Protein backbone atom coordinates (compact mmCIF):
# COMPACT_ATOMS: atom_id res chain seq x y z
CA MET A 1 -14.55 -13.93 -64.78
CA LEU A 2 -12.90 -11.40 -66.95
CA HIS A 3 -9.10 -11.28 -67.96
CA LEU A 4 -7.68 -8.14 -67.49
CA ARG A 5 -4.11 -6.85 -69.09
CA ALA A 6 -2.96 -3.62 -68.34
CA VAL A 7 0.11 -1.78 -69.95
CA SER A 8 1.48 0.31 -67.10
CA PRO A 9 3.97 3.00 -67.25
CA VAL A 10 6.93 1.75 -64.91
CA ASP A 11 6.58 4.30 -62.50
CA VAL A 12 2.87 3.13 -61.46
CA THR A 13 3.33 -0.42 -61.70
CA ASP A 14 3.93 -0.99 -58.14
CA ARG A 15 0.36 0.81 -57.34
CA VAL A 16 -1.30 -1.04 -60.30
CA LEU A 17 0.19 -4.37 -58.46
CA ALA A 18 -1.22 -2.99 -54.91
CA VAL A 19 -4.74 -2.15 -56.29
CA LEU A 20 -4.80 -5.80 -58.00
CA GLU A 21 -3.36 -7.73 -55.03
CA GLU A 22 -5.38 -5.95 -52.50
CA HIS A 23 -8.66 -6.61 -53.91
CA PRO A 24 -10.58 -9.66 -52.90
CA GLY A 25 -12.09 -10.10 -56.35
CA VAL A 26 -8.75 -10.39 -58.07
CA THR A 27 -6.40 -13.54 -58.56
CA HIS A 28 -3.76 -14.86 -60.94
CA VAL A 29 -1.72 -11.66 -60.89
CA LEU A 30 0.78 -11.75 -63.53
CA LEU A 31 3.84 -9.12 -63.86
CA LEU A 32 5.90 -8.96 -66.94
CA ARG A 33 8.62 -6.29 -66.67
CA GLY A 34 9.48 -4.20 -69.33
CA ALA A 35 7.53 -6.39 -71.85
CA ALA A 36 5.26 -3.76 -73.40
CA VAL A 37 6.97 -2.09 -76.30
CA LYS A 38 4.23 0.49 -77.82
CA PRO A 39 3.55 2.34 -75.34
CA PRO A 40 6.64 1.08 -73.31
CA GLY A 41 6.16 -0.05 -69.83
CA ASP A 42 5.24 -3.25 -67.85
CA VAL A 43 2.51 -5.72 -68.62
CA VAL A 44 0.24 -6.72 -65.66
CA GLU A 45 -2.40 -9.19 -66.08
CA ALA A 46 -5.01 -10.52 -63.71
CA ASP A 47 -8.21 -12.75 -63.68
CA VAL A 48 -11.07 -10.40 -62.26
CA ALA A 49 -14.68 -11.22 -60.89
CA ARG A 50 -17.34 -9.61 -63.07
CA GLU A 51 -18.78 -8.01 -60.13
CA ALA A 52 -15.46 -6.47 -59.14
CA THR A 53 -14.25 -5.44 -62.72
CA ASP A 54 -15.71 -1.95 -62.81
CA GLU A 55 -14.26 -0.92 -59.35
CA VAL A 56 -10.65 -2.35 -60.43
CA VAL A 57 -10.79 -0.66 -63.75
CA ALA A 58 -11.90 2.63 -61.95
CA ALA A 59 -8.67 2.37 -59.61
CA LEU A 60 -6.55 1.64 -62.44
CA CYS A 61 -7.83 4.72 -64.41
CA ALA A 62 -7.45 7.07 -61.44
CA LEU A 63 -3.73 5.99 -61.60
CA GLY A 64 -3.52 7.22 -65.46
CA VAL A 65 -3.16 3.85 -66.75
CA ASP A 66 -5.71 4.13 -69.38
CA LYS A 67 -4.00 7.62 -70.71
CA HIS A 68 -0.59 6.52 -70.42
CA GLY A 69 -0.69 2.70 -70.89
CA GLY A 70 -3.89 0.93 -71.86
CA VAL A 71 -6.33 -1.73 -70.12
CA THR A 72 -8.05 -4.35 -72.00
CA LEU A 73 -10.58 -6.78 -71.15
CA GLU A 74 -11.51 -10.42 -72.34
CA GLN A 75 -14.14 -12.78 -71.21
CA ILE A 76 -13.30 -15.80 -69.68
CA ASP A 77 -15.26 -18.72 -70.64
CA THR A 78 -13.83 -21.37 -68.51
CA ALA A 79 -11.57 -20.94 -65.31
CA LEU A 80 -10.55 -24.32 -63.47
CA SER A 81 -9.17 -22.65 -60.17
CA ASP A 82 -9.98 -22.74 -56.40
CA ALA A 83 -8.29 -19.08 -56.34
CA ALA A 84 -10.91 -18.00 -59.18
CA ASP A 85 -13.86 -19.46 -57.31
CA GLU A 86 -12.63 -17.84 -54.13
CA ALA A 87 -12.31 -14.35 -55.82
CA GLU A 88 -15.74 -14.77 -57.21
CA LEU A 89 -17.04 -15.60 -53.70
CA ALA A 90 -15.32 -12.63 -52.15
CA ALA A 91 -16.49 -10.14 -54.82
CA PRO A 92 -19.73 -8.43 -53.48
CA GLY A 93 -22.88 -9.00 -55.50
CA GLU A 94 -23.82 -11.45 -58.43
CA ALA A 95 -21.75 -11.72 -61.62
CA ALA A 96 -25.28 -11.71 -63.63
CA ASP A 97 -26.26 -8.48 -62.00
CA ALA A 98 -22.79 -6.74 -62.55
CA VAL A 99 -22.52 -3.77 -64.92
CA VAL A 100 -18.96 -3.71 -66.32
CA TRP A 101 -19.60 0.32 -67.64
CA ASP A 102 -16.20 0.49 -69.61
CA GLU A 103 -17.13 -2.89 -71.23
CA LEU A 104 -20.77 -1.29 -72.11
CA LEU A 105 -19.43 1.60 -73.32
CA SER A 106 -16.83 -0.07 -75.87
CA ARG A 107 -19.46 -2.40 -76.96
CA THR A 108 -22.23 0.18 -77.65
CA GLY A 109 -19.56 2.58 -79.08
CA GLU A 110 -18.52 0.13 -81.72
CA GLU A 111 -22.12 -0.78 -82.62
CA SER A 112 -23.24 2.71 -83.02
CA ARG A 113 -21.03 3.63 -85.92
CA LEU A 114 -22.54 4.48 -89.30
CA ASN A 115 -20.71 2.57 -91.47
CA ALA A 116 -21.02 0.50 -94.91
CA THR A 117 -21.69 -2.99 -92.71
CA PHE A 118 -24.61 -1.34 -90.97
CA LEU A 119 -26.12 0.14 -93.80
CA ALA A 120 -25.65 -3.12 -95.64
CA PHE A 121 -27.36 -5.08 -92.84
CA LEU A 122 -30.40 -2.41 -92.41
CA THR A 123 -30.81 -2.51 -96.21
CA ILE A 124 -30.96 -6.28 -96.49
CA ALA A 125 -33.46 -6.47 -93.43
CA CYS A 126 -35.75 -3.53 -95.18
CA LEU A 127 -35.62 -5.57 -98.50
CA LEU A 128 -36.47 -8.88 -96.66
CA ALA A 129 -39.41 -7.26 -94.85
CA ALA A 130 -40.58 -6.03 -98.09
CA VAL A 131 -40.54 -9.21 -99.60
CA GLY A 132 -42.28 -10.70 -96.46
CA VAL A 133 -45.04 -8.00 -97.20
CA VAL A 134 -45.65 -8.76 -100.61
CA THR A 135 -45.49 -12.41 -100.26
CA ASN A 136 -47.35 -12.57 -97.13
CA SER A 137 -44.57 -14.43 -95.67
CA THR A 138 -44.31 -14.44 -91.79
CA VAL A 139 -41.01 -16.38 -91.88
CA THR A 140 -39.65 -13.95 -94.21
CA LEU A 141 -40.90 -10.99 -92.10
CA VAL A 142 -39.25 -12.63 -89.04
CA GLY A 143 -35.99 -13.12 -90.75
CA ALA A 144 -35.86 -9.23 -91.74
CA MET A 145 -36.32 -8.66 -87.97
CA VAL A 146 -33.47 -10.85 -86.82
CA VAL A 147 -31.14 -9.59 -89.72
CA GLY A 148 -31.74 -5.78 -88.67
CA PRO A 149 -28.82 -4.13 -86.76
CA GLU A 150 -30.74 -1.30 -85.09
CA PHE A 151 -30.58 -2.42 -81.47
CA GLY A 152 -27.05 -1.57 -81.32
CA PRO A 153 -27.41 2.33 -82.10
CA LEU A 154 -30.51 2.26 -79.92
CA ALA A 155 -28.69 0.63 -77.00
CA ALA A 156 -25.63 3.21 -77.59
CA VAL A 157 -28.47 6.08 -77.52
CA SER A 158 -29.58 4.92 -73.93
CA VAL A 159 -26.07 4.43 -72.46
CA GLY A 160 -25.05 8.00 -73.86
CA LEU A 161 -28.17 9.66 -71.84
CA VAL A 162 -27.80 7.76 -69.01
CA LEU A 163 -23.97 8.44 -68.80
CA LYS A 164 -24.43 11.81 -70.33
CA ARG A 165 -21.98 10.98 -73.08
CA TRP A 166 -23.46 13.38 -75.58
CA ASP A 167 -20.70 12.09 -78.07
CA LEU A 168 -22.12 8.55 -78.24
CA VAL A 169 -25.82 9.90 -78.45
CA ARG A 170 -24.68 12.08 -81.55
CA ARG A 171 -23.15 9.20 -83.44
CA ALA A 172 -25.78 6.56 -82.80
CA THR A 173 -28.46 9.18 -83.55
CA ALA A 174 -26.83 9.90 -86.77
CA ALA A 175 -26.44 6.04 -87.51
CA LEU A 176 -30.32 5.89 -87.06
CA VAL A 177 -31.29 9.05 -88.71
CA VAL A 178 -29.32 8.47 -92.01
CA GLY A 179 -29.47 4.48 -92.10
CA PHE A 180 -33.19 4.04 -92.00
CA PRO A 181 -33.86 6.56 -94.72
CA ILE A 182 -31.24 5.35 -96.95
CA ALA A 183 -32.45 1.79 -96.65
CA MET A 184 -36.04 2.61 -97.10
CA VAL A 185 -34.98 4.44 -100.20
CA ILE A 186 -33.38 1.43 -101.43
CA THR A 187 -36.09 -0.65 -100.48
CA VAL A 188 -38.60 1.71 -102.46
CA VAL A 189 -36.59 1.27 -105.71
CA GLY A 190 -36.46 -2.43 -105.15
CA ALA A 191 -40.37 -2.74 -104.89
CA LEU A 192 -40.73 -0.29 -107.86
CA LEU A 193 -38.44 -3.00 -109.87
CA GLY A 194 -40.56 -5.74 -108.40
CA SER A 195 -44.08 -3.68 -109.38
CA PHE A 196 -42.80 -3.05 -113.06
CA ALA A 197 -41.81 -6.76 -113.34
CA GLY A 198 -45.19 -8.03 -112.29
CA LEU A 199 -43.68 -10.01 -109.24
CA TYR A 200 -46.28 -8.65 -106.74
CA ASP A 201 -50.15 -7.74 -107.23
CA ARG A 202 -51.28 -4.49 -105.51
CA GLN A 203 -54.78 -5.95 -104.43
CA THR A 204 -52.95 -8.91 -102.69
CA VAL A 205 -50.81 -6.89 -100.99
CA ILE A 206 -53.56 -4.33 -99.52
CA GLY A 207 -56.12 -7.25 -99.13
CA GLN A 208 -54.26 -9.41 -96.74
CA HIS A 209 -54.43 -8.65 -93.16
CA ASP A 210 -51.91 -10.95 -91.41
CA PHE A 211 -49.47 -7.88 -91.38
CA ASP A 212 -51.78 -5.11 -89.89
CA PHE A 213 -49.94 -5.05 -86.69
CA VAL A 214 -46.91 -3.80 -88.98
CA TYR A 215 -48.38 -0.17 -89.76
CA THR A 216 -51.42 -0.31 -87.00
CA VAL A 217 -50.04 1.91 -84.16
CA GLY A 218 -51.79 1.48 -80.79
CA PRO A 219 -50.90 1.04 -77.17
CA PHE A 220 -49.55 -2.46 -77.34
CA SER A 221 -47.35 -0.98 -80.09
CA LEU A 222 -45.43 0.98 -77.25
CA ILE A 223 -45.95 -1.58 -74.47
CA VAL A 224 -44.11 -4.20 -76.77
CA ALA A 225 -41.20 -1.43 -77.65
CA LEU A 226 -40.93 -0.84 -73.95
CA LEU A 227 -40.64 -4.60 -73.09
CA ALA A 228 -38.18 -5.32 -75.88
CA GLY A 229 -36.10 -2.14 -74.68
CA ALA A 230 -35.92 -3.38 -71.17
CA ALA A 231 -34.97 -7.19 -72.15
CA GLY A 232 -32.50 -5.92 -74.63
CA MET A 233 -30.51 -3.54 -72.12
CA LEU A 234 -30.72 -6.14 -69.38
CA SER A 235 -29.32 -8.97 -71.81
CA MET A 236 -26.42 -6.29 -72.70
CA THR A 237 -25.51 -5.43 -69.18
CA SER A 238 -25.59 -9.09 -67.92
CA ALA A 239 -23.79 -10.69 -70.96
CA LYS A 240 -26.51 -12.75 -71.95
CA SER A 241 -26.69 -11.88 -75.47
CA ALA A 242 -28.90 -15.06 -76.41
CA ALA A 243 -31.84 -13.10 -75.35
CA LEU A 244 -31.27 -10.17 -77.87
CA VAL A 245 -32.48 -12.56 -80.54
CA GLY A 246 -35.87 -12.79 -78.76
CA VAL A 247 -35.85 -8.62 -78.65
CA PHE A 248 -34.93 -8.28 -82.43
CA ILE A 249 -38.32 -10.84 -83.18
CA SER A 250 -40.48 -8.95 -80.90
CA VAL A 251 -40.22 -5.26 -82.39
CA THR A 252 -41.49 -3.99 -85.62
CA THR A 253 -38.81 -1.44 -86.58
CA VAL A 254 -37.53 -3.09 -89.75
CA PRO A 255 -40.98 -4.62 -90.80
CA ALA A 256 -42.49 -1.10 -90.42
CA ALA A 257 -39.78 0.60 -92.45
CA GLY A 258 -40.09 -2.29 -95.06
CA TYR A 259 -44.03 -1.76 -95.10
CA ALA A 260 -43.58 1.94 -95.44
CA ALA A 261 -41.53 1.56 -98.49
CA VAL A 262 -44.05 -0.98 -100.21
CA ALA A 263 -46.82 1.32 -99.22
CA ALA A 264 -45.46 4.47 -100.82
CA VAL A 265 -44.92 2.35 -104.34
CA LEU A 266 -48.64 1.34 -104.23
CA GLY A 267 -49.65 4.84 -103.51
CA GLU A 268 -51.18 3.83 -99.88
CA TRP A 269 -49.93 7.03 -98.26
CA GLU A 270 -51.98 6.53 -95.11
CA ARG A 271 -50.47 3.07 -94.59
CA CYS A 272 -47.21 4.70 -95.47
CA ALA A 273 -47.51 7.12 -92.75
CA GLN A 274 -48.90 4.87 -90.07
CA SER A 275 -45.77 2.50 -90.58
CA ALA A 276 -43.51 5.33 -90.30
CA GLY A 277 -45.52 6.22 -87.00
CA GLN A 278 -45.00 2.72 -85.95
CA LEU A 279 -41.05 2.98 -86.68
CA VAL A 280 -40.75 6.18 -84.42
CA VAL A 281 -42.90 4.73 -81.55
CA ASN A 282 -41.04 1.57 -81.47
CA LEU A 283 -37.56 3.39 -81.97
CA VAL A 284 -38.45 5.87 -78.88
CA GLY A 285 -40.26 3.00 -76.73
CA ILE A 286 -36.84 0.94 -76.91
CA VAL A 287 -34.60 3.82 -76.00
CA VAL A 288 -36.89 5.21 -73.08
CA ALA A 289 -37.02 1.74 -71.85
CA ALA A 290 -33.47 0.68 -72.14
CA ALA A 291 -32.43 4.14 -70.57
CA LEU A 292 -34.60 3.29 -67.47
CA VAL A 293 -33.12 -0.09 -67.19
CA LEU A 294 -29.50 1.21 -67.21
CA ALA A 295 -30.30 4.12 -64.90
CA ALA A 296 -31.72 1.46 -62.57
CA ARG A 297 -28.39 -0.42 -62.41
CA SER A 298 -26.08 0.51 -59.51
CA ARG A 299 -23.02 2.55 -60.66
CA LYS A 300 -21.58 1.71 -57.29
CA ASN A 301 -18.05 3.56 -57.35
CA ARG A 302 -17.61 4.04 -61.00
CA VAL A 303 -16.16 7.60 -61.72
CA ASP A 304 -17.00 8.29 -65.63
CA ASP A 305 -14.54 10.42 -67.55
CA PRO A 306 -16.42 12.13 -70.12
CA GLY A 307 -13.26 13.21 -72.03
CA ARG A 308 -12.18 9.48 -72.43
CA PRO A 309 -12.44 8.58 -76.21
CA LEU A 310 -14.76 5.86 -76.99
CA SER A 311 -13.24 2.38 -77.48
CA THR A 312 -14.08 0.90 -80.99
CA GLY A 313 -12.57 -2.60 -79.90
C-alpha cells in the first residue's frame, strides 16, 4: 500500500474526503482541519492500495488539489490492519501489476537530471571500466556496470515518449548526450596518464579477447539491450527495484564507453568506433524496449496533465 497525504484548500476538503471515503481501495482516512500552514488548508491522509492509487490521485488532481495544495505519496512497508487487507482485496487488479504514473514521473524526473552527482557516478563507472579493460578484470568491469547511473535517464526518455512529456525527454536526453562525452573525455585523460606511467601494456590490452563482446556489435547486442530495457521498466513500474541490478550487469553501455576511451588512447580507432556503436545500440535498444513495455501497461482512467511540472522529490 501507499500512504497518501493531501494539503487541501478548505473549500474542497469535503469533496476530497468524499473521493477517499467512497473508493473501496482507500482506508485509514484522517482529517486535520486547518493543520496546513504553507500553503494554508486542511491535511487529509489515507492509506491507498497500490492498484487504486492512480485513480485516486487523478480524482484529487481533478479537484485542483495539486495546483492549490499538494499530494504526496509514500511507500508503506508493513500494514497490520484488517481494513487495509480489505482495501487491497477490494481494489481492482494486482498490486504488482499496477502502475502509479505520478510516482513514475516523479522518480524518472528526479533521476534524469544532469548534475554533479550523475556526472561523478558516470565518470567513476567509465574509469572502472577502463581499469577492467587494461587489467583484464571481469570483476572490475561488472563493478563498473553496477555503478553506472545511465538507466535513470534512459527510463525517463521512455516515460517521456509514452506520456508525451517532451520536457522529460529533452532533460533526460541532455543528461546522456552531455554526460557520456564528459565521462569518456575524463577517462581518456586517465588512460593517457596510465600509459605515460607505464601502468599497462598495449599488446596485453589488444591481445586479450575476454572483452571482445564489449566492442563487437552484433544481433545479440540489440537482443540483450531489448531484454534489459524491458526488465528494467518492469522493475520500475512494479516497485521491484532489486531487478534493476541485473539490468545494470547485463548491458554494455558503460563498458563500451570505457573501452572506447582506452582504444582511442592506443590508436585503435576501429575498436573505438565499434565500442561507440555498441554504446549507441545498447542505449537505443533499452529505450525502445522500455517504451514498449510501458505502452503495454494499462493507463486505466489516468488523465495526464502535460502542464504539470515534474516533481523532483
